């Protein structure tokens, strides 16, 4: 199997969480990993454990007044990750 690439990611900011949804990878993916950064250029840290089985994830560990940048990578049955998706950002409102 070649690398699966997630085609799109959308974020929806709700209070102090970020709801991410994405299109399934075109190749067979056993799950997805979500990575987050506070800088557009990275570095990114994985925010899910274990792999996300669905094409949605809610990040509830965000802080108000901060901007976060996310990418998603598909994971195959061997545990190999795809190339990252396009980056999306989410601005968390100040409480």
N, C-alpha and C. Protein backbone atom coordinates (compact mmCIF):
# COMPACT_ATOMS: atom_id res chain seq x y z
N UNK A 1 0.84 -1.19 0.00
CA UNK A 1 0.00 0.00 0.00
C UNK A 1 0.88 1.24 0.00
N UNK A 2 0.58 2.18 -0.86
CA UNK A 2 1.29 3.46 -0.87
C UNK A 2 0.80 4.31 0.29
N UNK A 3 1.44 5.44 0.45
CA UNK A 3 1.05 6.33 1.53
C UNK A 3 -0.34 6.89 1.29
N UNK A 4 -1.14 6.89 2.33
CA UNK A 4 -2.46 7.51 2.26
C UNK A 4 -2.31 8.96 2.67
N UNK A 5 -2.97 9.85 1.97
CA UNK A 5 -2.89 11.27 2.28
C UNK A 5 -4.30 11.78 2.55
N UNK A 6 -4.48 12.40 3.69
CA UNK A 6 -5.77 12.98 4.02
C UNK A 6 -5.98 14.18 3.11
N UNK A 7 -7.15 14.28 2.50
CA UNK A 7 -7.39 15.30 1.48
C UNK A 7 -7.78 16.66 2.03
N UNK A 8 -8.50 16.71 3.13
CA UNK A 8 -8.88 18.02 3.67
C UNK A 8 -9.19 17.90 5.15
N UNK A 9 -8.98 18.99 5.85
CA UNK A 9 -9.28 19.06 7.28
C UNK A 9 -10.04 20.36 7.50
N UNK A 10 -11.08 20.32 8.30
CA UNK A 10 -11.82 21.52 8.64
C UNK A 10 -11.86 21.62 10.15
N UNK A 11 -11.76 22.83 10.66
CA UNK A 11 -11.83 23.00 12.11
C UNK A 11 -13.04 23.86 12.44
N UNK A 12 -13.61 23.59 13.59
CA UNK A 12 -14.73 24.39 14.09
C UNK A 12 -14.45 24.65 15.57
N UNK A 13 -14.23 25.91 15.90
CA UNK A 13 -13.89 26.26 17.28
C UNK A 13 -15.17 26.42 18.09
N UNK A 14 -15.23 25.72 19.17
CA UNK A 14 -16.38 25.83 20.08
C UNK A 14 -15.83 26.08 21.48
N UNK A 15 -16.04 27.27 22.00
CA UNK A 15 -15.61 27.61 23.34
C UNK A 15 -14.14 27.25 23.53
N UNK A 16 -13.85 26.23 24.32
CA UNK A 16 -12.47 25.84 24.56
C UNK A 16 -12.21 24.43 24.06
N UNK A 17 -12.63 24.17 22.84
CA UNK A 17 -12.30 22.92 22.17
C UNK A 17 -12.28 23.18 20.67
N UNK A 18 -11.62 22.31 19.95
CA UNK A 18 -11.56 22.41 18.49
C UNK A 18 -12.06 21.09 17.93
N UNK A 19 -13.10 21.14 17.10
CA UNK A 19 -13.65 19.95 16.46
C UNK A 19 -13.08 19.87 15.05
N UNK A 20 -12.31 18.83 14.78
CA UNK A 20 -11.69 18.63 13.47
C UNK A 20 -12.42 17.51 12.74
N UNK A 21 -12.68 17.70 11.46
CA UNK A 21 -13.23 16.64 10.61
C UNK A 21 -12.42 16.63 9.32
N UNK A 22 -12.33 15.46 8.69
CA UNK A 22 -11.57 15.35 7.44
C UNK A 22 -12.16 14.25 6.58
N UNK A 23 -11.81 14.31 5.31
CA UNK A 23 -12.23 13.28 4.35
C UNK A 23 -11.37 12.04 4.56
N UNK A 24 -11.92 10.86 4.37
CA UNK A 24 -11.11 9.64 4.52
C UNK A 24 -9.96 9.63 3.52
N UNK A 25 -8.89 8.95 3.90
CA UNK A 25 -7.74 8.79 3.01
C UNK A 25 -8.16 7.94 1.82
N UNK A 26 -7.57 8.18 0.63
CA UNK A 26 -7.96 7.42 -0.55
C UNK A 26 -7.52 5.96 -0.50
N UNK A 27 -6.51 5.63 0.28
CA UNK A 27 -6.06 4.24 0.45
C UNK A 27 -6.55 3.73 1.80
N UNK A 28 -6.48 2.44 1.98
CA UNK A 28 -6.95 1.84 3.23
C UNK A 28 -6.14 2.36 4.41
N UNK A 29 -6.78 3.04 5.31
CA UNK A 29 -6.14 3.54 6.52
C UNK A 29 -6.76 2.83 7.71
N UNK A 30 -5.91 2.42 8.65
CA UNK A 30 -6.44 1.77 9.85
C UNK A 30 -6.81 2.80 10.91
N UNK A 31 -6.33 4.03 10.73
CA UNK A 31 -6.64 5.09 11.68
C UNK A 31 -5.95 6.38 11.27
N UNK A 32 -6.02 7.36 12.14
CA UNK A 32 -5.46 8.68 11.87
C UNK A 32 -4.77 9.21 13.12
N UNK A 33 -3.72 10.02 12.92
CA UNK A 33 -3.07 10.73 14.01
C UNK A 33 -3.25 12.22 13.78
N UNK A 34 -3.56 12.94 14.85
CA UNK A 34 -3.77 14.37 14.81
C UNK A 34 -2.60 15.04 15.51
N UNK A 35 -2.00 16.03 14.84
CA UNK A 35 -0.86 16.75 15.38
C UNK A 35 -1.21 18.23 15.51
N UNK A 36 -0.68 18.87 16.57
CA UNK A 36 -1.00 20.27 16.86
C UNK A 36 0.28 21.04 17.15
N UNK A 37 0.26 22.33 16.79
CA UNK A 37 1.36 23.24 17.08
C UNK A 37 0.79 24.60 17.44
N UNK A 38 1.57 25.39 18.15
CA UNK A 38 1.17 26.78 18.41
C UNK A 38 1.89 27.74 17.46
N UNK A 39 2.66 27.20 16.53
CA UNK A 39 3.34 28.00 15.51
C UNK A 39 3.03 27.41 14.14
N UNK A 40 2.80 28.27 13.17
CA UNK A 40 2.44 27.80 11.83
C UNK A 40 3.54 26.93 11.22
N UNK A 41 4.77 27.16 11.62
CA UNK A 41 5.89 26.39 11.05
C UNK A 41 6.24 25.15 11.87
N UNK A 42 5.44 24.85 12.91
CA UNK A 42 5.72 23.68 13.75
C UNK A 42 6.69 24.05 14.86
N UNK A 43 7.18 23.11 15.60
CA UNK A 43 6.98 21.67 15.44
C UNK A 43 5.59 21.24 15.95
N UNK A 44 5.17 20.07 15.49
CA UNK A 44 3.87 19.53 15.86
C UNK A 44 4.03 18.42 16.89
N UNK A 45 3.04 18.31 17.77
CA UNK A 45 3.01 17.22 18.75
C UNK A 45 1.71 16.44 18.57
N UNK A 46 1.80 15.13 18.66
CA UNK A 46 0.62 14.27 18.53
C UNK A 46 -0.31 14.51 19.72
N UNK A 47 -1.61 14.69 19.45
CA UNK A 47 -2.57 14.97 20.51
C UNK A 47 -3.55 13.83 20.77
N UNK A 48 -3.47 12.77 20.01
CA UNK A 48 -4.39 11.64 20.23
C UNK A 48 -3.61 10.39 20.60
N UNK A 49 -4.26 9.53 21.36
CA UNK A 49 -3.72 8.21 21.69
C UNK A 49 -4.88 7.37 22.18
N UNK A 50 -5.16 6.25 21.61
CA UNK A 50 -4.52 5.63 20.44
C UNK A 50 -4.95 6.32 19.15
N UNK A 51 -4.65 5.67 17.99
CA UNK A 51 -5.04 6.24 16.70
C UNK A 51 -6.54 6.50 16.67
N UNK A 52 -6.94 7.55 15.99
CA UNK A 52 -8.35 7.89 15.82
C UNK A 52 -8.91 7.01 14.70
N UNK A 53 -9.97 6.26 14.99
CA UNK A 53 -10.55 5.36 13.99
C UNK A 53 -11.50 6.10 13.05
N UNK A 54 -12.15 7.14 13.53
CA UNK A 54 -13.12 7.89 12.73
C UNK A 54 -12.43 9.03 11.98
N UNK A 55 -13.19 9.78 11.21
CA UNK A 55 -12.65 10.93 10.48
C UNK A 55 -13.03 12.22 11.20
N UNK A 56 -12.98 12.18 12.53
CA UNK A 56 -13.28 13.36 13.35
C UNK A 56 -12.55 13.23 14.67
N UNK A 57 -12.19 14.38 15.25
CA UNK A 57 -11.49 14.40 16.53
C UNK A 57 -11.78 15.74 17.19
N UNK A 58 -12.01 15.73 18.50
CA UNK A 58 -12.20 16.97 19.25
C UNK A 58 -11.04 17.14 20.21
N UNK A 59 -10.36 18.26 20.09
CA UNK A 59 -9.24 18.60 20.96
C UNK A 59 -9.77 19.50 22.07
N UNK A 60 -9.86 18.95 23.27
CA UNK A 60 -10.39 19.70 24.41
C UNK A 60 -9.30 20.25 25.31
N UNK A 61 -8.05 20.11 24.92
CA UNK A 61 -6.94 20.55 25.77
C UNK A 61 -6.34 21.87 25.29
N UNK A 62 -7.18 22.73 24.71
CA UNK A 62 -6.71 24.01 24.19
C UNK A 62 -6.91 25.11 25.24
N UNK A 63 -6.17 26.20 25.07
CA UNK A 63 -6.22 27.34 26.00
C UNK A 63 -6.84 28.54 25.30
N UNK A 64 -7.65 29.30 26.03
CA UNK A 64 -8.27 30.51 25.48
C UNK A 64 -7.23 31.54 25.09
N UNK A 65 -7.50 32.28 24.00
CA UNK A 65 -6.61 33.32 23.54
C UNK A 65 -5.43 32.81 22.72
N UNK A 66 -5.41 31.54 22.40
CA UNK A 66 -4.30 30.93 21.66
C UNK A 66 -4.76 30.54 20.25
N UNK A 67 -3.84 30.51 19.31
CA UNK A 67 -4.10 29.99 17.97
C UNK A 67 -3.35 28.67 17.85
N UNK A 68 -4.04 27.65 17.34
CA UNK A 68 -3.45 26.33 17.16
C UNK A 68 -3.47 25.96 15.68
N UNK A 69 -2.47 25.20 15.29
CA UNK A 69 -2.32 24.73 13.91
C UNK A 69 -2.33 23.20 13.93
N UNK A 70 -3.10 22.61 13.03
CA UNK A 70 -3.29 21.16 13.03
C UNK A 70 -2.97 20.56 11.67
N UNK A 71 -2.44 19.33 11.70
CA UNK A 71 -2.35 18.48 10.52
C UNK A 71 -2.79 17.08 10.95
N UNK A 72 -3.25 16.30 9.98
CA UNK A 72 -3.69 14.93 10.23
C UNK A 72 -2.90 14.01 9.31
N UNK A 73 -2.51 12.85 9.85
CA UNK A 73 -1.83 11.84 9.04
C UNK A 73 -2.58 10.53 9.14
N UNK A 74 -2.80 9.88 8.00
CA UNK A 74 -3.41 8.56 7.97
C UNK A 74 -2.36 7.54 8.41
N UNK A 75 -2.82 6.48 9.07
CA UNK A 75 -1.93 5.41 9.53
C UNK A 75 -2.40 4.10 8.90
N UNK A 76 -1.46 3.33 8.30
CA UNK A 76 -1.84 2.05 7.72
C UNK A 76 -1.70 0.94 8.76
N UNK A 77 -2.05 -0.28 8.38
CA UNK A 77 -2.06 -1.40 9.33
C UNK A 77 -0.67 -1.73 9.87
N UNK A 78 0.39 -1.30 9.18
CA UNK A 78 1.77 -1.53 9.65
C UNK A 78 2.23 -0.42 10.59
N UNK A 79 1.39 0.61 10.77
CA UNK A 79 1.74 1.72 11.65
C UNK A 79 2.48 2.85 10.97
N UNK A 80 2.61 2.78 9.65
CA UNK A 80 3.29 3.84 8.89
C UNK A 80 2.33 5.01 8.67
N UNK A 81 2.85 6.21 8.83
CA UNK A 81 2.03 7.41 8.63
C UNK A 81 2.17 7.95 7.21
N UNK A 82 1.09 8.56 6.74
CA UNK A 82 1.09 9.21 5.44
C UNK A 82 1.78 10.56 5.55
N UNK A 83 1.86 11.23 4.44
CA UNK A 83 2.26 12.63 4.44
C UNK A 83 1.20 13.42 5.20
N UNK A 84 1.56 14.56 5.77
CA UNK A 84 0.55 15.33 6.51
C UNK A 84 -0.49 15.96 5.58
N UNK A 85 -1.67 16.17 6.13
CA UNK A 85 -2.72 16.90 5.41
C UNK A 85 -2.32 18.36 5.30
N UNK A 86 -3.11 19.12 4.60
CA UNK A 86 -2.95 20.57 4.61
C UNK A 86 -3.18 21.06 6.04
N UNK A 87 -2.46 22.06 6.42
CA UNK A 87 -2.57 22.63 7.76
C UNK A 87 -3.85 23.47 7.87
N UNK A 88 -4.51 23.39 9.03
CA UNK A 88 -5.63 24.27 9.34
C UNK A 88 -5.32 24.94 10.68
N UNK A 89 -5.93 26.09 10.90
CA UNK A 89 -5.71 26.78 12.17
C UNK A 89 -7.04 27.02 12.84
N UNK A 90 -6.97 27.20 14.16
CA UNK A 90 -8.16 27.48 14.96
C UNK A 90 -7.77 28.49 16.05
N UNK A 91 -8.48 29.61 16.11
CA UNK A 91 -8.25 30.62 17.14
C UNK A 91 -9.25 30.39 18.26
N UNK A 92 -8.74 30.20 19.46
CA UNK A 92 -9.60 29.94 20.62
C UNK A 92 -9.96 31.27 21.28
N UNK A 93 -11.24 31.52 21.50
CA UNK A 93 -11.64 32.80 22.11
C UNK A 93 -11.11 32.93 23.54
N UNK A 94 -10.84 34.15 23.93
CA UNK A 94 -10.44 34.42 25.31
C UNK A 94 -11.68 34.32 26.19
N UNK A 95 -11.56 33.61 27.32
CA UNK A 95 -12.76 33.44 28.17
C UNK A 95 -13.27 34.74 28.75
